[in-house]
N, C-alpha and C. Protein backbone atom coordinates (compact mmCIF):
# COMPACT_ATOMS: atom_id res chain seq x y z
N ALA A 1 -117.32 180.42 91.14
CA ALA A 1 -116.98 180.02 92.51
C ALA A 1 -118.24 179.61 93.23
N LYS A 2 -118.06 178.75 94.25
CA LYS A 2 -119.18 178.27 95.04
C LYS A 2 -118.84 178.31 96.50
N GLU A 3 -119.78 178.85 97.29
CA GLU A 3 -119.62 178.86 98.73
C GLU A 3 -120.64 177.89 99.32
N ASP A 4 -120.22 177.06 100.24
CA ASP A 4 -121.06 176.04 100.84
C ASP A 4 -121.05 176.20 102.34
N LEU A 5 -122.18 176.58 102.92
CA LEU A 5 -122.30 176.78 104.35
C LEU A 5 -123.28 175.76 104.94
N ARG A 6 -122.93 175.12 106.07
CA ARG A 6 -123.80 174.16 106.69
C ARG A 6 -124.23 174.64 108.06
N ASP A 7 -125.49 174.50 108.33
CA ASP A 7 -126.05 174.95 109.62
C ASP A 7 -126.04 173.77 110.60
N TRP A 8 -126.01 174.06 111.86
CA TRP A 8 -125.95 173.02 112.87
C TRP A 8 -127.23 172.16 112.88
N MET A 9 -128.34 172.64 112.34
CA MET A 9 -129.58 171.89 112.32
C MET A 9 -129.65 170.91 111.16
N GLY A 10 -128.65 170.94 110.28
CA GLY A 10 -128.63 169.98 109.17
C GLY A 10 -129.09 170.56 107.85
N ASP A 11 -129.49 171.84 107.83
CA ASP A 11 -129.87 172.44 106.57
C ASP A 11 -128.58 172.88 105.84
N ARG A 12 -128.78 173.39 104.61
CA ARG A 12 -127.61 173.72 103.80
C ARG A 12 -127.92 174.93 102.93
N THR A 13 -126.94 175.84 102.88
CA THR A 13 -127.04 177.01 102.03
C THR A 13 -125.81 177.08 101.13
N GLU A 14 -126.07 177.23 99.83
CA GLU A 14 -124.97 177.30 98.85
C GLU A 14 -125.14 178.57 98.02
N ALA A 15 -124.05 179.11 97.53
CA ALA A 15 -124.12 180.33 96.71
C ALA A 15 -123.04 180.28 95.65
N GLY A 16 -123.31 180.87 94.49
CA GLY A 16 -122.30 180.94 93.44
C GLY A 16 -122.84 180.31 92.16
N ARG A 17 -121.98 179.59 91.47
CA ARG A 17 -122.33 178.88 90.21
C ARG A 17 -122.75 177.46 90.59
N LEU A 18 -124.06 177.22 90.55
CA LEU A 18 -124.62 175.94 91.03
C LEU A 18 -125.33 175.20 89.93
N PHE A 19 -125.38 173.87 90.09
CA PHE A 19 -126.18 173.07 89.17
C PHE A 19 -127.64 173.50 89.26
N ASN A 20 -128.30 173.54 88.13
CA ASN A 20 -129.74 173.73 88.07
C ASN A 20 -130.39 172.43 88.57
N PRO A 21 -131.36 172.48 89.51
CA PRO A 21 -132.02 171.26 90.02
C PRO A 21 -132.61 170.37 88.92
N THR A 22 -133.15 170.98 87.85
CA THR A 22 -133.68 170.20 86.73
C THR A 22 -132.58 169.35 86.11
N HIS A 23 -131.43 169.96 85.90
CA HIS A 23 -130.27 169.24 85.34
C HIS A 23 -129.88 168.10 86.25
N GLN A 24 -129.82 168.35 87.54
CA GLN A 24 -129.43 167.31 88.49
C GLN A 24 -130.35 166.10 88.39
N ALA A 25 -131.65 166.33 88.24
CA ALA A 25 -132.58 165.21 88.15
C ALA A 25 -132.47 164.47 86.81
N LEU A 26 -132.44 165.23 85.69
CA LEU A 26 -132.41 164.61 84.38
C LEU A 26 -131.14 163.82 84.14
N VAL A 27 -130.00 164.28 84.68
CA VAL A 27 -128.73 163.61 84.45
C VAL A 27 -128.48 162.53 85.53
N PHE A 28 -128.54 162.90 86.79
CA PHE A 28 -128.06 161.99 87.84
C PHE A 28 -129.05 160.89 88.18
N LYS A 29 -130.33 161.04 87.73
CA LYS A 29 -131.29 159.94 87.92
C LYS A 29 -131.58 159.20 86.61
N SER A 30 -130.86 159.56 85.56
CA SER A 30 -130.96 158.79 84.31
C SER A 30 -130.10 157.54 84.42
N PRO A 31 -130.32 156.54 83.58
CA PRO A 31 -129.50 155.32 83.69
C PRO A 31 -128.00 155.55 83.57
N SER A 32 -127.60 156.41 82.65
CA SER A 32 -126.14 156.61 82.44
C SER A 32 -125.53 157.56 83.47
N GLN A 33 -126.33 158.35 84.15
CA GLN A 33 -125.86 159.27 85.18
C GLN A 33 -124.70 160.12 84.71
N SER A 34 -124.83 160.71 83.56
CA SER A 34 -123.77 161.56 83.00
C SER A 34 -124.38 162.53 82.01
N ASN A 35 -123.55 163.44 81.47
CA ASN A 35 -124.03 164.35 80.44
C ASN A 35 -124.28 163.66 79.12
N PHE A 36 -123.98 162.36 79.02
CA PHE A 36 -124.34 161.61 77.86
C PHE A 36 -125.77 161.10 77.92
N ALA A 37 -126.44 161.37 79.05
CA ALA A 37 -127.80 160.88 79.24
C ALA A 37 -128.72 161.38 78.16
N GLY A 38 -129.51 160.47 77.59
CA GLY A 38 -130.46 160.85 76.58
C GLY A 38 -131.49 161.82 77.14
N ALA A 39 -131.88 161.61 78.39
CA ALA A 39 -132.85 162.51 79.03
C ALA A 39 -132.39 163.93 79.00
N PHE A 40 -131.12 164.17 79.29
CA PHE A 40 -130.56 165.51 79.30
C PHE A 40 -130.48 166.07 77.86
N ASN A 41 -129.97 165.26 76.94
CA ASN A 41 -129.76 165.76 75.60
C ASN A 41 -131.06 165.96 74.82
N MET A 42 -132.08 165.16 75.13
CA MET A 42 -133.38 165.33 74.46
C MET A 42 -134.16 166.49 75.02
N ALA A 43 -133.93 166.84 76.27
CA ALA A 43 -134.76 167.88 76.92
C ALA A 43 -134.07 169.24 76.98
N ILE A 44 -132.88 169.32 76.41
CA ILE A 44 -132.04 170.49 76.63
C ILE A 44 -132.65 171.77 76.10
N GLY A 45 -133.73 171.75 75.37
CA GLY A 45 -134.35 172.91 74.71
C GLY A 45 -134.28 174.23 75.46
N GLY A 46 -133.15 174.73 75.81
CA GLY A 46 -133.05 176.07 76.36
C GLY A 46 -132.63 176.10 77.82
N TYR A 47 -132.81 175.03 78.56
CA TYR A 47 -132.42 175.09 79.95
C TYR A 47 -130.92 174.88 80.07
N GLN A 48 -130.31 175.43 81.11
CA GLN A 48 -128.88 175.39 81.26
C GLN A 48 -128.49 174.56 82.48
N PRO A 49 -127.39 173.76 82.39
CA PRO A 49 -126.95 172.93 83.51
C PRO A 49 -126.59 173.75 84.74
N TYR A 50 -125.91 174.89 84.52
CA TYR A 50 -125.46 175.72 85.64
C TYR A 50 -126.23 177.03 85.69
N TRP A 51 -126.49 177.51 86.90
CA TRP A 51 -127.01 178.84 87.09
C TRP A 51 -125.96 179.66 87.84
N ASN A 52 -125.52 180.74 87.23
CA ASN A 52 -124.59 181.66 87.89
C ASN A 52 -125.32 182.60 88.81
N ASP A 53 -124.57 183.29 89.69
CA ASP A 53 -125.16 184.24 90.65
C ASP A 53 -126.35 183.64 91.36
N SER A 54 -126.18 182.44 91.87
CA SER A 54 -127.29 181.63 92.37
C SER A 54 -127.16 181.38 93.86
N VAL A 55 -128.30 181.24 94.52
CA VAL A 55 -128.37 180.87 95.93
C VAL A 55 -129.33 179.71 96.07
N ARG A 56 -128.96 178.68 96.84
CA ARG A 56 -129.84 177.55 97.07
C ARG A 56 -129.91 177.20 98.55
N TYR A 57 -131.11 176.99 99.05
CA TYR A 57 -131.29 176.57 100.44
C TYR A 57 -131.96 175.20 100.43
N THR A 58 -131.41 174.25 101.21
CA THR A 58 -131.96 172.89 101.32
C THR A 58 -132.29 172.61 102.78
N THR A 59 -133.46 172.12 103.03
CA THR A 59 -133.91 171.86 104.42
C THR A 59 -133.23 170.62 104.98
N PRO A 60 -133.28 170.43 106.26
CA PRO A 60 -132.76 169.19 106.85
C PRO A 60 -133.56 167.98 106.33
N ASN A 61 -132.92 166.83 106.38
CA ASN A 61 -133.56 165.58 105.96
C ASN A 61 -134.57 165.13 107.00
N LEU A 62 -135.79 164.88 106.53
CA LEU A 62 -136.86 164.41 107.41
C LEU A 62 -137.42 163.11 106.85
N TYR A 63 -137.04 161.98 107.44
CA TYR A 63 -137.48 160.68 106.99
C TYR A 63 -137.23 160.46 105.49
N GLY A 64 -136.07 160.92 105.03
CA GLY A 64 -135.68 160.72 103.65
C GLY A 64 -136.04 161.86 102.73
N ALA A 65 -136.81 162.83 103.16
CA ALA A 65 -137.28 163.91 102.32
C ALA A 65 -136.56 165.22 102.60
N THR A 66 -136.22 165.95 101.56
CA THR A 66 -135.69 167.29 101.68
C THR A 66 -136.39 168.20 100.67
N PHE A 67 -136.44 169.48 101.01
CA PHE A 67 -137.02 170.48 100.10
C PHE A 67 -135.94 171.54 99.83
N ALA A 68 -135.84 171.97 98.56
CA ALA A 68 -134.81 172.95 98.21
C ALA A 68 -135.45 174.06 97.34
N VAL A 69 -134.98 175.26 97.51
CA VAL A 69 -135.37 176.37 96.65
C VAL A 69 -134.10 177.05 96.16
N GLN A 70 -134.04 177.36 94.89
CA GLN A 70 -132.84 177.97 94.29
C GLN A 70 -133.26 179.15 93.44
N HIS A 71 -132.50 180.23 93.51
CA HIS A 71 -132.79 181.42 92.70
C HIS A 71 -131.50 181.96 92.09
N SER A 72 -131.56 182.27 90.80
CA SER A 72 -130.47 182.93 90.11
C SER A 72 -130.85 184.40 89.92
N PHE A 73 -129.96 185.29 90.29
CA PHE A 73 -130.27 186.72 90.27
C PHE A 73 -130.00 187.36 88.93
N GLY A 74 -129.94 186.58 87.86
CA GLY A 74 -129.82 187.23 86.55
C GLY A 74 -128.92 186.57 85.56
N ASP A 75 -128.40 185.38 85.83
CA ASP A 75 -127.60 184.71 84.82
C ASP A 75 -127.80 183.20 84.95
N THR A 76 -128.76 182.69 84.22
CA THR A 76 -129.02 181.25 84.20
C THR A 76 -128.31 180.57 83.05
N GLY A 77 -127.32 181.26 82.44
CA GLY A 77 -126.63 180.71 81.30
C GLY A 77 -127.21 181.19 80.00
N VAL A 78 -128.43 181.75 80.05
CA VAL A 78 -129.05 182.29 78.84
C VAL A 78 -128.53 183.67 78.55
N SER A 79 -128.28 184.44 79.59
CA SER A 79 -127.81 185.80 79.40
C SER A 79 -127.20 186.31 80.69
N GLY A 80 -126.52 187.45 80.59
CA GLY A 80 -125.92 188.00 81.78
C GLY A 80 -126.71 189.11 82.39
N ASN A 81 -127.97 189.29 82.03
CA ASN A 81 -128.74 190.36 82.65
C ASN A 81 -129.95 189.82 83.42
N ASN A 82 -130.65 190.70 84.10
CA ASN A 82 -131.72 190.27 85.00
C ASN A 82 -132.91 189.65 84.28
N ASN A 83 -133.02 189.83 82.99
CA ASN A 83 -134.11 189.19 82.26
C ASN A 83 -133.97 187.66 82.24
N ALA A 84 -132.78 187.17 82.56
CA ALA A 84 -132.55 185.73 82.55
C ALA A 84 -132.59 185.11 83.94
N ALA A 85 -133.22 185.80 84.89
CA ALA A 85 -133.33 185.27 86.24
C ALA A 85 -134.19 184.02 86.28
N GLY A 86 -133.91 183.13 87.22
CA GLY A 86 -134.71 181.90 87.32
C GLY A 86 -134.89 181.49 88.76
N THR A 87 -135.97 180.73 89.00
CA THR A 87 -136.26 180.18 90.34
C THR A 87 -136.71 178.75 90.18
N ALA A 88 -136.20 177.88 91.10
CA ALA A 88 -136.55 176.46 91.04
C ALA A 88 -136.92 175.97 92.45
N TYR A 89 -137.90 175.07 92.48
CA TYR A 89 -138.34 174.42 93.74
C TYR A 89 -138.18 172.92 93.54
N ALA A 90 -137.57 172.24 94.49
CA ALA A 90 -137.32 170.80 94.34
C ALA A 90 -137.68 170.05 95.63
N ILE A 91 -138.28 168.89 95.43
CA ILE A 91 -138.53 167.95 96.53
C ILE A 91 -137.80 166.67 96.19
N ASN A 92 -136.96 166.19 97.10
CA ASN A 92 -136.19 164.96 96.90
C ASN A 92 -136.52 163.97 98.03
N TYR A 93 -136.64 162.72 97.65
CA TYR A 93 -136.90 161.66 98.62
C TYR A 93 -135.93 160.51 98.35
N ASP A 94 -135.12 160.17 99.35
CA ASP A 94 -134.17 159.05 99.24
C ASP A 94 -134.22 158.25 100.51
N LEU A 95 -134.80 157.06 100.39
CA LEU A 95 -134.88 156.20 101.57
C LEU A 95 -135.00 154.75 101.07
N GLY A 96 -134.16 153.90 101.62
CA GLY A 96 -134.18 152.50 101.20
C GLY A 96 -133.78 152.34 99.74
N ASN A 97 -134.60 151.64 98.99
CA ASN A 97 -134.30 151.37 97.58
C ASN A 97 -134.88 152.41 96.61
N LEU A 98 -135.61 153.38 97.14
CA LEU A 98 -136.33 154.34 96.29
C LEU A 98 -135.70 155.72 96.36
N SER A 99 -135.56 156.33 95.19
CA SER A 99 -135.05 157.72 95.09
C SER A 99 -135.94 158.48 94.13
N LEU A 100 -136.55 159.59 94.60
CA LEU A 100 -137.48 160.37 93.78
C LEU A 100 -137.12 161.85 93.81
N SER A 101 -137.36 162.54 92.71
CA SER A 101 -137.18 163.98 92.65
C SER A 101 -138.30 164.62 91.87
N GLY A 102 -138.82 165.73 92.37
CA GLY A 102 -139.81 166.54 91.66
C GLY A 102 -139.36 167.98 91.66
N ILE A 103 -139.32 168.61 90.48
CA ILE A 103 -138.81 169.98 90.34
C ILE A 103 -139.74 170.82 89.50
N TYR A 104 -139.95 172.06 89.93
CA TYR A 104 -140.66 173.06 89.12
C TYR A 104 -139.76 174.28 89.02
N GLU A 105 -139.52 174.75 87.81
CA GLU A 105 -138.68 175.95 87.62
C GLU A 105 -139.30 176.89 86.62
N THR A 106 -138.99 178.16 86.82
CA THR A 106 -139.37 179.19 85.86
C THR A 106 -138.12 180.01 85.53
N VAL A 107 -137.94 180.29 84.25
CA VAL A 107 -136.76 181.06 83.80
C VAL A 107 -137.21 182.06 82.76
N SER A 108 -136.78 183.32 82.92
CA SER A 108 -137.08 184.36 81.92
C SER A 108 -135.94 184.46 80.93
N THR A 109 -136.28 184.74 79.70
CA THR A 109 -135.26 184.91 78.66
C THR A 109 -134.91 186.39 78.55
N VAL A 110 -133.92 186.67 77.74
CA VAL A 110 -133.52 188.03 77.45
C VAL A 110 -134.65 188.73 76.69
N ALA A 111 -135.00 189.94 77.10
CA ALA A 111 -136.06 190.68 76.43
C ALA A 111 -135.54 191.32 75.16
N LEU A 112 -135.90 190.74 74.02
CA LEU A 112 -135.52 191.24 72.71
C LEU A 112 -136.79 191.62 71.94
N PRO A 113 -136.66 192.38 70.83
CA PRO A 113 -137.87 192.74 70.08
C PRO A 113 -138.70 191.56 69.63
N ALA A 114 -138.06 190.45 69.27
CA ALA A 114 -138.80 189.28 68.75
C ALA A 114 -138.85 188.11 69.71
N VAL A 115 -138.17 188.21 70.83
CA VAL A 115 -138.13 187.11 71.79
C VAL A 115 -138.27 187.65 73.21
N ASN A 116 -139.32 187.28 73.88
CA ASN A 116 -139.53 187.67 75.28
C ASN A 116 -140.52 186.70 75.89
N TYR A 117 -140.04 185.65 76.50
CA TYR A 117 -140.93 184.64 77.07
C TYR A 117 -140.36 184.11 78.36
N ARG A 118 -141.22 183.41 79.10
CA ARG A 118 -140.84 182.77 80.34
C ARG A 118 -141.09 181.26 80.22
N ALA A 119 -140.06 180.50 80.45
CA ALA A 119 -140.17 179.03 80.39
C ALA A 119 -140.57 178.47 81.72
N LYS A 120 -141.50 177.53 81.72
CA LYS A 120 -141.97 176.84 82.93
C LYS A 120 -141.75 175.37 82.72
N ARG A 121 -140.94 174.75 83.60
CA ARG A 121 -140.55 173.36 83.42
C ARG A 121 -140.84 172.55 84.65
N SER A 122 -141.48 171.41 84.45
CA SER A 122 -141.80 170.48 85.53
C SER A 122 -141.13 169.15 85.26
N THR A 123 -140.52 168.57 86.27
CA THR A 123 -139.79 167.32 86.10
C THR A 123 -140.07 166.39 87.28
N VAL A 124 -140.29 165.13 86.95
CA VAL A 124 -140.37 164.07 87.95
C VAL A 124 -139.47 162.94 87.49
N MET A 125 -138.52 162.54 88.34
CA MET A 125 -137.59 161.44 88.01
C MET A 125 -137.52 160.50 89.23
N GLY A 126 -137.40 159.20 88.93
CA GLY A 126 -137.33 158.24 90.00
C GLY A 126 -136.41 157.08 89.66
N VAL A 127 -135.83 156.47 90.69
CA VAL A 127 -134.96 155.31 90.55
C VAL A 127 -135.34 154.31 91.63
N TYR A 128 -135.49 153.04 91.24
CA TYR A 128 -135.72 152.00 92.24
C TYR A 128 -134.66 150.93 92.09
N ASP A 129 -134.00 150.60 93.18
CA ASP A 129 -132.93 149.64 93.20
C ASP A 129 -133.47 148.25 93.56
N PHE A 130 -133.48 147.34 92.60
CA PHE A 130 -133.96 145.97 92.86
C PHE A 130 -132.85 145.07 93.39
N GLY A 131 -131.63 145.59 93.47
CA GLY A 131 -130.49 144.80 93.89
C GLY A 131 -129.70 144.29 92.74
N PHE A 132 -130.33 143.51 91.86
CA PHE A 132 -129.62 143.00 90.69
C PHE A 132 -129.56 144.01 89.55
N MET A 133 -130.44 145.05 89.62
CA MET A 133 -130.41 146.15 88.63
C MET A 133 -131.23 147.30 89.18
N LYS A 134 -131.12 148.47 88.53
CA LYS A 134 -131.92 149.63 88.89
C LYS A 134 -132.85 149.99 87.74
N ALA A 135 -134.06 150.39 88.09
CA ALA A 135 -135.02 150.85 87.10
C ALA A 135 -135.17 152.38 87.21
N HIS A 136 -135.21 153.06 86.08
CA HIS A 136 -135.26 154.50 86.03
C HIS A 136 -136.49 154.94 85.23
N ALA A 137 -137.18 155.97 85.67
CA ALA A 137 -138.34 156.51 84.95
C ALA A 137 -138.44 158.00 85.23
N GLY A 138 -139.00 158.72 84.24
CA GLY A 138 -139.15 160.17 84.43
C GLY A 138 -140.08 160.80 83.44
N PHE A 139 -140.50 162.03 83.76
CA PHE A 139 -141.37 162.80 82.89
C PHE A 139 -140.94 164.25 82.99
N PHE A 140 -140.82 164.93 81.83
CA PHE A 140 -140.40 166.30 81.75
C PHE A 140 -141.41 167.08 80.91
N ASN A 141 -141.86 168.23 81.40
CA ASN A 141 -142.84 169.05 80.71
C ASN A 141 -142.32 170.48 80.60
N GLU A 142 -142.43 171.09 79.41
CA GLU A 142 -142.01 172.46 79.23
C GLU A 142 -143.11 173.27 78.58
N ASN A 143 -143.45 174.41 79.22
CA ASN A 143 -144.45 175.34 78.70
C ASN A 143 -143.84 176.76 78.67
N HIS A 144 -144.45 177.61 77.88
CA HIS A 144 -143.90 178.97 77.74
C HIS A 144 -145.03 180.00 77.84
N GLY A 145 -144.68 181.18 78.29
CA GLY A 145 -145.57 182.32 78.30
C GLY A 145 -144.86 183.53 77.70
N GLY A 146 -145.44 184.11 76.68
CA GLY A 146 -144.77 185.23 75.98
C GLY A 146 -144.74 184.97 74.50
N PHE A 147 -143.73 185.57 73.83
CA PHE A 147 -143.65 185.39 72.38
C PHE A 147 -142.19 185.08 71.97
N GLY A 148 -142.07 184.46 70.80
CA GLY A 148 -140.74 184.07 70.28
C GLY A 148 -140.20 182.82 70.94
N ALA A 149 -141.04 182.03 71.60
CA ALA A 149 -140.58 180.85 72.32
C ALA A 149 -140.44 179.64 71.40
N PRO A 150 -139.57 178.68 71.78
CA PRO A 150 -139.49 177.45 71.01
C PRO A 150 -140.73 176.59 71.27
N LEU A 151 -140.84 175.43 70.60
CA LEU A 151 -141.98 174.56 70.76
C LEU A 151 -142.07 173.98 72.16
N GLU A 152 -143.29 173.90 72.68
CA GLU A 152 -143.52 173.25 73.96
C GLU A 152 -143.54 171.72 73.74
N PHE A 153 -143.16 170.97 74.82
CA PHE A 153 -143.12 169.52 74.63
C PHE A 153 -143.19 168.78 75.96
N ASN A 154 -143.48 167.49 75.85
CA ASN A 154 -143.38 166.55 76.96
C ASN A 154 -142.30 165.52 76.62
N LEU A 155 -141.63 165.02 77.62
CA LEU A 155 -140.60 163.98 77.42
C LEU A 155 -140.81 162.88 78.45
N SER A 156 -140.94 161.65 77.97
CA SER A 156 -141.07 160.49 78.85
C SER A 156 -139.81 159.64 78.73
N ILE A 157 -139.37 159.10 79.89
CA ILE A 157 -138.09 158.40 79.95
C ILE A 157 -138.25 157.09 80.71
N LEU A 158 -137.67 156.00 80.16
CA LEU A 158 -137.63 154.71 80.84
C LEU A 158 -136.24 154.12 80.64
N GLY A 159 -135.71 153.42 81.63
CA GLY A 159 -134.39 152.81 81.47
C GLY A 159 -134.04 151.90 82.61
N VAL A 160 -132.92 151.20 82.42
CA VAL A 160 -132.36 150.29 83.44
C VAL A 160 -130.86 150.46 83.47
N SER A 161 -130.27 150.14 84.61
CA SER A 161 -128.81 150.14 84.73
C SER A 161 -128.40 148.99 85.62
N LYS A 162 -127.19 148.47 85.37
CA LYS A 162 -126.72 147.31 86.15
C LYS A 162 -125.21 147.37 86.31
N VAL A 163 -124.75 147.16 87.52
CA VAL A 163 -123.34 147.05 87.78
C VAL A 163 -122.93 145.59 87.54
N VAL A 164 -122.11 145.38 86.49
CA VAL A 164 -121.68 144.03 86.15
C VAL A 164 -120.55 143.55 87.04
N THR A 165 -119.57 144.44 87.20
CA THR A 165 -118.47 144.19 88.13
C THR A 165 -118.24 145.49 88.91
N GLY A 166 -117.25 145.54 89.78
CA GLY A 166 -116.98 146.75 90.53
C GLY A 166 -116.66 147.95 89.65
N ALA A 167 -116.11 147.67 88.46
CA ALA A 167 -115.70 148.77 87.57
C ALA A 167 -116.59 148.94 86.35
N LEU A 168 -117.39 147.93 86.01
CA LEU A 168 -118.17 147.95 84.78
C LEU A 168 -119.64 148.12 85.06
N ARG A 169 -120.26 149.12 84.44
CA ARG A 169 -121.69 149.36 84.56
C ARG A 169 -122.28 149.49 83.15
N VAL A 170 -123.44 148.85 82.90
CA VAL A 170 -124.11 148.93 81.62
C VAL A 170 -125.48 149.58 81.80
N THR A 171 -125.94 150.32 80.77
CA THR A 171 -127.23 151.01 80.87
C THR A 171 -127.99 150.90 79.56
N ALA A 172 -129.29 151.03 79.66
CA ALA A 172 -130.16 151.09 78.49
C ALA A 172 -131.30 152.05 78.81
N GLU A 173 -131.66 152.89 77.86
CA GLU A 173 -132.75 153.83 78.08
C GLU A 173 -133.50 154.15 76.82
N TYR A 174 -134.79 154.49 77.01
CA TYR A 174 -135.65 154.87 75.90
C TYR A 174 -136.37 156.14 76.27
N GLY A 175 -136.53 157.04 75.31
CA GLY A 175 -137.24 158.28 75.56
C GLY A 175 -138.12 158.65 74.39
N HIS A 176 -139.25 159.32 74.71
CA HIS A 176 -140.18 159.79 73.67
C HIS A 176 -140.48 161.25 73.93
N LYS A 177 -140.22 162.08 72.95
CA LYS A 177 -140.44 163.54 73.02
C LYS A 177 -141.61 163.92 72.13
N ASP A 178 -142.65 164.48 72.75
CA ASP A 178 -143.87 164.80 72.03
C ASP A 178 -144.08 166.30 72.04
N PHE A 179 -144.02 166.96 70.87
CA PHE A 179 -144.20 168.40 70.79
C PHE A 179 -145.69 168.75 70.79
N LYS A 180 -146.06 169.72 71.61
CA LYS A 180 -147.47 170.03 71.79
C LYS A 180 -148.05 170.84 70.66
N ASN A 181 -147.27 171.75 70.06
CA ASN A 181 -147.79 172.65 69.02
C ASN A 181 -147.44 172.17 67.65
N SER A 182 -147.05 170.92 67.51
CA SER A 182 -146.59 170.40 66.24
C SER A 182 -146.84 168.90 66.20
N ALA A 183 -146.91 168.37 64.97
CA ALA A 183 -147.05 166.93 64.82
C ALA A 183 -145.74 166.21 64.98
N ASN A 184 -144.63 166.96 65.12
CA ASN A 184 -143.31 166.35 65.25
C ASN A 184 -143.17 165.58 66.55
N GLN A 185 -142.46 164.47 66.47
CA GLN A 185 -142.12 163.68 67.61
C GLN A 185 -140.70 163.18 67.46
N ALA A 186 -140.09 162.79 68.56
CA ALA A 186 -138.73 162.25 68.51
C ALA A 186 -138.61 161.10 69.51
N ASN A 187 -137.89 160.07 69.13
CA ASN A 187 -137.64 158.92 70.00
C ASN A 187 -136.14 158.66 70.07
N TYR A 188 -135.69 158.16 71.15
CA TYR A 188 -134.28 157.77 71.24
C TYR A 188 -134.14 156.46 72.01
N VAL A 189 -133.13 155.71 71.65
CA VAL A 189 -132.74 154.53 72.38
C VAL A 189 -131.24 154.67 72.67
N GLY A 190 -130.86 154.50 73.90
CA GLY A 190 -129.46 154.62 74.28
C GLY A 190 -128.94 153.38 74.97
N LEU A 191 -127.81 152.85 74.53
CA LEU A 191 -127.13 151.73 75.15
C LEU A 191 -125.72 152.18 75.46
N ALA A 192 -125.25 151.91 76.68
CA ALA A 192 -123.93 152.36 77.07
C ALA A 192 -123.26 151.41 78.03
N ALA A 193 -121.91 151.42 78.01
CA ALA A 193 -121.14 150.70 78.97
C ALA A 193 -120.09 151.64 79.53
N PHE A 194 -119.95 151.69 80.85
CA PHE A 194 -119.00 152.57 81.52
C PHE A 194 -118.04 151.73 82.33
N TYR A 195 -116.75 151.98 82.10
CA TYR A 195 -115.71 151.24 82.83
C TYR A 195 -114.84 152.22 83.59
N SER A 196 -114.78 152.05 84.88
CA SER A 196 -113.98 152.95 85.71
C SER A 196 -112.54 152.45 85.80
N LEU A 197 -111.62 153.33 85.42
CA LEU A 197 -110.19 152.97 85.45
C LEU A 197 -109.57 153.15 86.82
N SER A 198 -110.28 153.87 87.69
CA SER A 198 -109.77 154.08 89.05
C SER A 198 -110.93 154.23 89.99
N LYS A 199 -110.72 153.98 91.28
CA LYS A 199 -111.76 154.12 92.26
C LYS A 199 -111.93 155.56 92.70
């Protein structure tokens, strides 16, 4: 469940099962703007789209900029106990043709004999609307502190999207995932067409 309270000054407080700000940036600022986004699927290494038992406060809009802080009191989708608590800080800017998001989050995992680490994730995503098409770009970084953690990595994202008709939208995106503690790398290319059957 989600509770949404609005203050008279224009700020916003939400509580319950909320989107993780990292997920919101990786998905909604990607070319496909969906869970099919390569950015989301390539970077999913442990982060969860929803945070349960969560509270988020967003400041009023000031010249296109807002600041948000979100905290989960023990269930970020990784586990149902307090070892899985997480905190995220987000800055969003939306004015004119430019939309930018910057997020920093930390999430603790379940404390087990062989796994006990804290993930630190930084994300920058941006979209610029040229009118005839939109350009998308982003960078995702994941680091860990502790033991039993997965590989750390960087992810770079580039893409474009275009509304062909009122109902048809086409997208293209490229991503490169570079693992820091390994010679392994991964690349993806995504092409998609979305047709809306209803408004």
